[in-house]
Amino acid sequence: MPMYDYKCAKCGHMFEELVFSSTVDDNTIKCPVCAENKAKRQLSAPAIAVGGANFEPACEKPSCSTPVGYS
């Protein structure tokens, strides 16, 4: 169930909506402010999860704390 960003073409309100099917048409998404079916899906950045049991931050090693050539 992807989450999409929408903007209402009538009132300009921006909102997020969980979409249960890839076949959902923009005309079926109602604006929560004006209740019109004039929402258009917006281009948005993907959500990327980083972490987990084997995740190691980039500069936790001693080599990152001292620049090369310095002692």
Protein backbone atom coordinates (compact mmCIF):
# COMPACT_ATOMS: atom_id res chain seq x y z
CA MET A 1 0.00 0.00 0.00
CA PRO A 2 2.00 2.96 -1.22
CA MET A 3 1.47 6.46 0.12
CA TYR A 4 1.14 9.15 -2.52
CA ASP A 5 1.18 12.94 -2.33
CA TYR A 6 -1.78 14.71 -3.93
CA LYS A 7 -2.70 18.31 -4.65
CA CYS A 8 -6.30 19.40 -5.16
CA ALA A 9 -6.75 21.21 -8.47
CA LYS A 10 -9.73 23.13 -7.05
CA CYS A 11 -8.54 24.45 -3.66
CA GLY A 12 -4.77 23.76 -3.84
CA HIS A 13 -4.66 21.69 -0.64
CA MET A 14 -1.76 19.18 -0.51
CA PHE A 15 -2.32 15.86 1.28
CA GLU A 16 -1.15 12.24 1.47
CA GLU A 17 -3.30 9.24 0.64
CA LEU A 18 -2.79 5.49 1.07
CA VAL A 19 -3.61 3.86 -2.25
CA PHE A 20 -4.73 0.23 -2.12
CA SER A 21 -4.47 -0.49 -5.85
CA SER A 22 -2.26 0.67 -8.70
CA THR A 23 -5.39 0.97 -10.85
CA VAL A 24 -6.84 3.82 -8.77
CA ASP A 25 -7.60 6.82 -10.95
CA ASP A 26 -6.89 10.33 -9.64
CA ASN A 27 -10.61 11.09 -10.13
CA THR A 28 -11.47 8.71 -7.27
CA ILE A 29 -9.29 10.52 -4.70
CA LYS A 30 -11.27 13.15 -2.76
CA CYS A 31 -9.71 16.26 -1.28
CA PRO A 32 -10.16 16.23 2.52
CA VAL A 33 -10.77 20.01 2.53
CA CYS A 34 -13.24 20.67 -0.29
CA ALA A 35 -14.35 17.03 -0.97
CA GLU A 36 -13.91 17.43 -4.74
CA ASN A 37 -12.52 14.61 -6.90
CA LYS A 38 -9.95 16.91 -8.47
CA ALA A 39 -6.78 15.66 -6.77
CA LYS A 40 -3.68 15.13 -8.91
CA ARG A 41 -0.82 12.89 -7.84
CA GLN A 42 2.40 14.82 -7.21
CA LEU A 43 5.96 13.72 -7.86
CA SER A 44 7.61 12.90 -4.54
CA ALA A 45 10.84 11.39 -3.26
CA PRO A 46 10.79 7.74 -2.21
CA ALA A 47 11.07 6.80 1.45
CA ILE A 48 14.31 4.92 2.08
CA ALA A 49 14.91 3.11 5.36
CA VAL A 50 18.52 2.83 6.52
CA GLY A 51 19.53 0.80 9.51
CA GLY A 52 19.05 -2.59 11.02
CA ALA A 53 21.16 -5.09 12.92
CA ASN A 54 24.15 -4.84 10.56
CA PHE A 55 23.98 -1.09 9.97
CA GLU A 56 27.21 0.77 10.68
CA PRO A 57 27.28 4.59 10.49
CA ALA A 58 29.79 6.03 8.02
CA CYS A 59 32.20 7.69 10.48
CA GLU A 60 32.22 5.60 13.63
CA LYS A 61 35.64 4.12 12.92
CA PRO A 62 38.83 5.82 14.26
CA SER A 63 40.02 6.44 10.68
CA CYS A 64 37.22 8.98 10.23
CA SER A 65 38.01 10.97 13.36
CA THR A 66 41.55 11.98 12.34
CA PRO A 67 42.17 13.47 8.87
CA VAL A 68 44.86 11.82 6.75
CA GLY A 69 48.27 13.39 7.34
CA TYR A 70 47.46 14.54 10.89
CA SER A 71 48.45 12.74 14.07
